[in-house]
Amino acid sequence: MLEFLSANLATILVGVAVLAIVALIVYNMIRAHKKGGSSCGSACAGCPNAGICHAHAPKDRDLSSPYKP
């Protein structure tokens, strides 16, 4: 077992570092979602779903068909 760890120590350390970074990203996304944030970056100008994804979307727009102006 000790021989395996010493032979693969670099791979194990890189894997742990990548796992920690992914865990922090997921944690921050969950925290932002709970605060009412968005994971899209809030650049709504070029987003085709800008009218339906946020709470401040206009309520009088018919959303049954995405092709209606």
PDB file of N, CA and C in Angstrom:
ATOM      1  N   MET A   1       0.824  -1.196   0.000  1.00  0.00           N
ATOM      2  CA  MET A   1       0.000   0.000   0.000  1.00  0.00           C
ATOM      3  C   MET A   1       0.872   1.264   0.000  1.00  0.00           C
ATOM      4  N   LEU A   2       1.900   1.255   0.818  1.00  0.00           N
ATOM      5  CA  LEU A   2       2.795   2.407   0.893  1.00  0.00           C
ATOM      6  C   LEU A   2       3.551   2.593  -0.421  1.00  0.00           C
ATOM      7  N   GLU A   3       3.867   1.493  -1.083  1.00  0.00           N
ATOM      8  CA  GLU A   3       4.549   1.575  -2.369  1.00  0.00           C
ATOM      9  C   GLU A   3       3.629   2.210  -3.423  1.00  0.00           C
ATOM     10  N   PHE A   4       2.364   1.853  -3.395  1.00  0.00           N
ATOM     11  CA  PHE A   4       1.385   2.438  -4.323  1.00  0.00           C
ATOM     12  C   PHE A   4       1.253   3.939  -4.103  1.00  0.00           C
ATOM     13  N   LEU A   5       1.168   4.359  -2.837  1.00  0.00           N
ATOM     14  CA  LEU A   5       1.053   5.782  -2.516  1.00  0.00           C
ATOM     15  C   LEU A   5       2.285   6.563  -2.947  1.00  0.00           C
ATOM     16  N   SER A   6       3.456   6.016  -2.722  1.00  0.00           N
ATOM     17  CA  SER A   6       4.676   6.730  -3.101  1.00  0.00           C
ATOM     18  C   SER A   6       4.840   6.789  -4.614  1.00  0.00           C
ATOM     19  N   ALA A   7       4.365   5.779  -5.333  1.00  0.00           N
ATOM     20  CA  ALA A   7       4.477   5.778  -6.790  1.00  0.00           C
ATOM     21  C   ALA A   7       3.462   6.721  -7.438  1.00  0.00           C
ATOM     22  N   ASN A   8       2.347   6.951  -6.785  1.00  0.00           N
ATOM     23  CA  ASN A   8       1.269   7.754  -7.375  1.00  0.00           C
ATOM     24  C   ASN A   8       0.950   9.011  -6.575  1.00  0.00           C
ATOM     25  N   LEU A   9       1.865   9.497  -5.803  1.00  0.00           N
ATOM     26  CA  LEU A   9       1.623  10.646  -4.943  1.00  0.00           C
ATOM     27  C   LEU A   9       1.249  11.900  -5.732  1.00  0.00           C
ATOM     28  N   ALA A  10       1.923  12.159  -6.824  1.00  0.00           N
ATOM     29  CA  ALA A  10       1.626  13.355  -7.627  1.00  0.00           C
ATOM     30  C   ALA A  10       0.217  13.283  -8.201  1.00  0.00           C
ATOM     31  N   THR A  11      -0.176  12.120  -8.696  1.00  0.00           N
ATOM     32  CA  THR A  11      -1.506  11.952  -9.270  1.00  0.00           C
ATOM     33  C   THR A  11      -2.578  12.110  -8.195  1.00  0.00           C
ATOM     34  N   ILE A  12      -2.323  11.574  -7.035  1.00  0.00           N
ATOM     35  CA  ILE A  12      -3.282  11.674  -5.931  1.00  0.00           C
ATOM     36  C   ILE A  12      -3.427  13.129  -5.488  1.00  0.00           C
ATOM     37  N   LEU A  13      -2.328  13.860  -5.382  1.00  0.00           N
ATOM     38  CA  LEU A  13      -2.393  15.258  -4.958  1.00  0.00           C
ATOM     39  C   LEU A  13      -3.118  16.128  -5.980  1.00  0.00           C
ATOM     40  N   VAL A  14      -2.874  15.907  -7.262  1.00  0.00           N
ATOM     41  CA  VAL A  14      -3.565  16.665  -8.298  1.00  0.00           C
ATOM     42  C   VAL A  14      -5.054  16.335  -8.275  1.00  0.00           C
ATOM     43  N   GLY A  15      -5.395  15.073  -8.101  1.00  0.00           N
ATOM     44  CA  GLY A  15      -6.798  14.672  -8.017  1.00  0.00           C
ATOM     45  C   GLY A  15      -7.514  15.303  -6.832  1.00  0.00           C
ATOM     46  N   VAL A  16      -6.856  15.363  -5.703  1.00  0.00           N
ATOM     47  CA  VAL A  16      -7.444  15.997  -4.516  1.00  0.00           C
ATOM     48  C   VAL A  16      -7.622  17.490  -4.738  1.00  0.00           C
ATOM     49  N   ALA A  17      -6.654  18.117  -5.390  1.00  0.00           N
ATOM     50  CA  ALA A  17      -6.756  19.555  -5.664  1.00  0.00           C
ATOM     51  C   ALA A  17      -7.913  19.846  -6.617  1.00  0.00           C
ATOM     52  N   VAL A  18      -8.051  19.044  -7.670  1.00  0.00           N
ATOM     53  CA  VAL A  18      -9.155  19.234  -8.618  1.00  0.00           C
ATOM     54  C   VAL A  18     -10.491  18.999  -7.932  1.00  0.00           C
ATOM     55  N   LEU A  19     -10.579  17.980  -7.114  1.00  0.00           N
ATOM     56  CA  LEU A  19     -11.807  17.696  -6.373  1.00  0.00           C
ATOM     57  C   LEU A  19     -12.168  18.849  -5.434  1.00  0.00           C
ATOM     58  N   ALA A  20     -11.176  19.430  -4.784  1.00  0.00           N
ATOM     59  CA  ALA A  20     -11.431  20.566  -3.890  1.00  0.00           C
ATOM     60  C   ALA A  20     -11.928  21.777  -4.664  1.00  0.00           C
ATOM     61  N   ILE A  21     -11.355  22.038  -5.826  1.00  0.00           N
ATOM     62  CA  ILE A  21     -11.785  23.173  -6.641  1.00  0.00           C
ATOM     63  C   ILE A  21     -13.219  22.974  -7.124  1.00  0.00           C
ATOM     64  N   VAL A  22     -13.551  21.781  -7.585  1.00  0.00           N
ATOM     65  CA  VAL A  22     -14.915  21.496  -8.033  1.00  0.00           C
ATOM     66  C   VAL A  22     -15.900  21.624  -6.881  1.00  0.00           C
ATOM     67  N   ALA A  23     -15.522  21.141  -5.707  1.00  0.00           N
ATOM     68  CA  ALA A  23     -16.397  21.246  -4.541  1.00  0.00           C
ATOM     69  C   ALA A  23     -16.647  22.709  -4.175  1.00  0.00           C
ATOM     70  N   LEU A  24     -15.628  23.555  -4.253  1.00  0.00           N
ATOM     71  CA  LEU A  24     -15.801  24.981  -3.961  1.00  0.00           C
ATOM     72  C   LEU A  24     -16.700  25.665  -4.990  1.00  0.00           C
ATOM     73  N   ILE A  25     -16.558  25.293  -6.249  1.00  0.00           N
ATOM     74  CA  ILE A  25     -17.410  25.868  -7.290  1.00  0.00           C
ATOM     75  C   ILE A  25     -18.864  25.494  -7.052  1.00  0.00           C
ATOM     76  N   VAL A  26     -19.130  24.230  -6.755  1.00  0.00           N
ATOM     77  CA  VAL A  26     -20.502  23.780  -6.489  1.00  0.00           C
ATOM     78  C   VAL A  26     -21.051  24.469  -5.252  1.00  0.00           C
ATOM     79  N   TYR A  27     -20.248  24.596  -4.215  1.00  0.00           N
ATOM     80  CA  TYR A  27     -20.682  25.270  -2.991  1.00  0.00           C
ATOM     81  C   TYR A  27     -21.060  26.720  -3.266  1.00  0.00           C
ATOM     82  N   ASN A  28     -20.244  27.419  -4.044  1.00  0.00           N
ATOM     83  CA  ASN A  28     -20.549  28.814  -4.361  1.00  0.00           C
ATOM     84  C   ASN A  28     -21.793  28.944  -5.233  1.00  0.00           C
ATOM     85  N   MET A  29     -22.006  28.012  -6.145  1.00  0.00           N
ATOM     86  CA  MET A  29     -23.206  28.040  -6.979  1.00  0.00           C
ATOM     87  C   MET A  29     -24.460  27.814  -6.143  1.00  0.00           C
ATOM     88  N   ILE A  30     -24.400  26.879  -5.208  1.00  0.00           N
ATOM     89  CA  ILE A  30     -25.546  26.615  -4.335  1.00  0.00           C
ATOM     90  C   ILE A  30     -25.815  27.819  -3.446  1.00  0.00           C
ATOM     91  N   ARG A  31     -24.768  28.412  -2.904  1.00  0.00           N
ATOM     92  CA  ARG A  31     -24.932  29.578  -2.043  1.00  0.00           C
ATOM     93  C   ARG A  31     -25.522  30.763  -2.804  1.00  0.00           C
ATOM     94  N   ALA A  32     -25.071  30.973  -4.041  1.00  0.00           N
ATOM     95  CA  ALA A  32     -25.604  32.060  -4.860  1.00  0.00           C
ATOM     96  C   ALA A  32     -27.061  31.799  -5.220  1.00  0.00           C
ATOM     97  N   HIS A  33     -27.399  30.550  -5.483  1.00  0.00           N
ATOM     98  CA  HIS A  33     -28.791  30.212  -5.818  1.00  0.00           C
ATOM     99  C   HIS A  33     -29.715  30.453  -4.627  1.00  0.00           C
ATOM    100  N   LYS A  34     -29.254  30.122  -3.435  1.00  0.00           N
ATOM    101  CA  LYS A  34     -30.065  30.342  -2.237  1.00  0.00           C
ATOM    102  C   LYS A  34     -30.265  31.832  -1.952  1.00  0.00           C
ATOM    103  N   LYS A  35     -29.306  32.656  -2.356  1.00  0.00           N
ATOM    104  CA  LYS A  35     -29.431  34.099  -2.171  1.00  0.00           C
ATOM    105  C   LYS A  35     -30.250  34.748  -3.274  1.00  0.00           C
ATOM    106  N   GLY A  36     -30.710  33.952  -4.239  1.00  0.00           N
ATOM    107  CA  GLY A  36     -31.515  34.491  -5.323  1.00  0.00           C
ATOM    108  C   GLY A  36     -30.717  34.852  -6.544  1.00  0.00           C
ATOM    109  N   GLY A  37     -29.483  34.471  -6.585  1.00  0.00           N
ATOM    110  CA  GLY A  37     -28.633  34.784  -7.720  1.00  0.00           C
ATOM    111  C   GLY A  37     -28.855  33.827  -8.869  1.00  0.00           C
ATOM    112  N   SER A  38     -28.107  34.043  -9.917  1.00  0.00           N
ATOM    113  CA  SER A  38     -28.231  33.215 -11.099  1.00  0.00           C
ATOM    114  C   SER A  38     -26.860  32.678 -11.468  1.00  0.00           C
ATOM    115  N   SER A  39     -26.818  31.483 -11.987  1.00  0.00           N
ATOM    116  CA  SER A  39     -25.542  30.892 -12.381  1.00  0.00           C
ATOM    117  C   SER A  39     -25.151  31.276 -13.801  1.00  0.00           C
ATOM    118  N   CYS A  40     -26.007  32.033 -14.475  1.00  0.00           N
ATOM    119  CA  CYS A  40     -25.736  32.377 -15.871  1.00  0.00           C
ATOM    120  C   CYS A  40     -24.820  33.587 -16.001  1.00  0.00           C
ATOM    121  N   GLY A  41     -24.575  34.327 -14.960  1.00  0.00           N
ATOM    122  CA  GLY A  41     -23.722  35.492 -15.013  1.00  0.00           C
ATOM    123  C   GLY A  41     -24.484  36.782 -15.204  1.00  0.00           C
ATOM    124  N   SER A  42     -25.784  36.691 -15.336  1.00  0.00           N
ATOM    125  CA  SER A  42     -26.689  37.842 -15.439  1.00  0.00           C
ATOM    126  C   SER A  42     -26.418  38.720 -16.652  1.00  0.00           C
ATOM    127  N   ALA A  43     -25.931  38.162 -17.729  1.00  0.00           N
ATOM    128  CA  ALA A  43     -25.759  38.896 -18.973  1.00  0.00           C
ATOM    129  C   ALA A  43     -26.986  38.627 -19.842  1.00  0.00           C
ATOM    130  N   CYS A  44     -28.102  39.250 -19.505  1.00  0.00           N
ATOM    131  CA  CYS A  44     -29.381  38.941 -20.136  1.00  0.00           C
ATOM    132  C   CYS A  44     -29.527  39.521 -21.536  1.00  0.00           C
ATOM    133  N   ALA A  45     -28.683  40.439 -21.927  1.00  0.00           N
ATOM    134  CA  ALA A  45     -28.854  41.110 -23.216  1.00  0.00           C
ATOM    135  C   ALA A  45     -28.784  40.132 -24.385  1.00  0.00           C
ATOM    136  N   GLY A  46     -27.937  39.149 -24.317  1.00  0.00           N
ATOM    137  CA  GLY A  46     -27.803  38.225 -25.422  1.00  0.00           C
ATOM    138  C   GLY A  46     -28.436  36.871 -25.174  1.00  0.00           C
ATOM    139  N   CYS A  47     -29.178  36.740 -24.102  1.00  0.00           N
ATOM    140  CA  CYS A  47     -29.760  35.450 -23.731  1.00  0.00           C
ATOM    141  C   CYS A  47     -31.157  35.298 -24.333  1.00  0.00           C
ATOM    142  N   PRO A  48     -31.439  34.193 -25.008  1.00  0.00           N
ATOM    143  CA  PRO A  48     -32.767  34.002 -25.575  1.00  0.00           C
ATOM    144  C   PRO A  48     -33.843  33.761 -24.515  1.00  0.00           C
ATOM    145  N   ASN A  49     -33.468  33.406 -23.315  1.00  0.00           N
ATOM    146  CA  ASN A  49     -34.426  33.163 -22.232  1.00  0.00           C
ATOM    147  C   ASN A  49     -34.480  34.308 -21.232  1.00  0.00           C
ATOM    148  N   ALA A  50     -34.030  35.474 -21.609  1.00  0.00           N
ATOM    149  CA  ALA A  50     -33.943  36.601 -20.680  1.00  0.00           C
ATOM    150  C   ALA A  50     -35.303  36.989 -20.124  1.00  0.00           C
ATOM    151  N   GLY A  51     -36.350  36.804 -20.874  1.00  0.00           N
ATOM    152  CA  GLY A  51     -37.672  37.199 -20.414  1.00  0.00           C
ATOM    153  C   GLY A  51     -38.334  36.235 -19.458  1.00  0.00           C
ATOM    154  N   ILE A  52     -37.777  35.026 -19.316  1.00  0.00           N
ATOM    155  CA  ILE A  52     -38.453  34.042 -18.478  1.00  0.00           C
ATOM    156  C   ILE A  52     -37.616  33.508 -17.324  1.00  0.00           C
ATOM    157  N   CYS A  53     -36.337  33.834 -17.264  1.00  0.00           N
ATOM    158  CA  CYS A  53     -35.505  33.194 -16.247  1.00  0.00           C
ATOM    159  C   CYS A  53     -35.431  33.965 -14.935  1.00  0.00           C
ATOM    160  N   HIS A  54     -35.673  35.247 -14.928  1.00  0.00           N
ATOM    161  CA  HIS A  54     -35.529  36.032 -13.704  1.00  0.00           C
ATOM    162  C   HIS A  54     -36.884  36.503 -13.188  1.00  0.00           C
ATOM    163  N   ALA A  55     -36.940  36.828 -11.930  1.00  0.00           N
ATOM    164  CA  ALA A  55     -38.195  37.232 -11.296  1.00  0.00           C
ATOM    165  C   ALA A  55     -38.700  38.570 -11.816  1.00  0.00           C
ATOM    166  N   HIS A  56     -37.823  39.404 -12.364  1.00  0.00           N
ATOM    167  CA  HIS A  56     -38.243  40.722 -12.834  1.00  0.00           C
ATOM    168  C   HIS A  56     -38.744  40.695 -14.273  1.00  0.00           C
ATOM    169  N   ALA A  57     -39.037  39.529 -14.791  1.00  0.00           N
ATOM    170  CA  ALA A  57     -39.534  39.409 -16.159  1.00  0.00           C
ATOM    171  C   ALA A  57     -40.942  39.997 -16.242  1.00  0.00           C
ATOM    172  N   PRO A  58     -41.297  40.603 -17.370  1.00  0.00           N
ATOM    173  CA  PRO A  58     -42.634  41.166 -17.516  1.00  0.00           C
ATOM    174  C   PRO A  58     -43.695  40.066 -17.437  1.00  0.00           C
ATOM    175  N   LYS A  59     -44.758  40.340 -16.706  1.00  0.00           N
ATOM    176  CA  LYS A  59     -45.797  39.338 -16.470  1.00  0.00           C
ATOM    177  C   LYS A  59     -46.843  39.309 -17.570  1.00  0.00           C
ATOM    178  N   ASP A  60     -46.935  40.349 -18.409  1.00  0.00           N
ATOM    179  CA  ASP A  60     -47.986  40.409 -19.408  1.00  0.00           C
ATOM    180  C   ASP A  60     -47.590  39.746 -20.725  1.00  0.00           C
ATOM    181  N   ARG A  61     -46.409  39.272 -20.854  1.00  0.00           N
ATOM    182  CA  ARG A  61     -45.950  38.651 -22.087  1.00  0.00           C
ATOM    183  C   ARG A  61     -46.445  37.213 -22.185  1.00  0.00           C
ATOM    184  N   ASP A  62     -46.918  36.807 -23.367  1.00  0.00           N
ATOM    185  CA  ASP A  62     -47.374  35.455 -23.597  1.00  0.00           C
ATOM    186  C   ASP A  62     -46.159  34.571 -23.849  1.00  0.00           C
ATOM    187  N   LEU A  63     -45.917  33.623 -22.959  1.00  0.00           N
ATOM    188  CA  LEU A  63     -44.745  32.774 -23.064  1.00  0.00           C
ATOM    189  C   LEU A  63     -45.069  31.403 -23.655  1.00  0.00           C
ATOM    190  N   SER A  64     -46.261  31.254 -24.221  1.00  0.00           N
ATOM    191  CA  SER A  64     -46.635  29.943 -24.754  1.00  0.00           C
ATOM    192  C   SER A  64     -45.868  29.596 -26.014  1.00  0.00           C
ATOM    193  N   SER A  65     -45.420  30.581 -26.779  1.00  0.00           N
ATOM    194  CA  SER A  65     -44.657  30.323 -27.977  1.00  0.00           C
ATOM    195  C   SER A  65     -43.419  31.229 -27.967  1.00  0.00           C
ATOM    196  N   PRO A  66     -42.246  30.635 -28.153  1.00  0.00           N
ATOM    197  CA  PRO A  66     -41.026  31.444 -28.114  1.00  0.00           C
ATOM    198  C   PRO A  66     -40.845  32.295 -29.365  1.00  0.00           C
ATOM    199  N   TYR A  67     -41.669  32.106 -30.404  1.00  0.00           N
ATOM    200  CA  TYR A  67     -41.498  32.826 -31.660  1.00  0.00           C
ATOM    201  C   TYR A  67     -42.390  34.057 -31.784  1.00  0.00           C
ATOM    202  N   LYS A  68     -43.208  34.335 -30.787  1.00  0.00           N
ATOM    203  CA  LYS A  68     -44.036  35.536 -30.812  1.00  0.00           C
ATOM    204  C   LYS A  68     -43.215  36.716 -30.341  1.00  0.00           C
ATOM    205  N   PRO A  69     -43.311  37.861 -31.019  1.00  0.00           N
ATOM    206  CA  PRO A  69     -42.526  39.035 -30.595  1.00  0.00           C
ATOM    207  C   PRO A  69     -43.085  39.663 -29.335  1.00  0.00           C
TER     208      PRO A  69
END
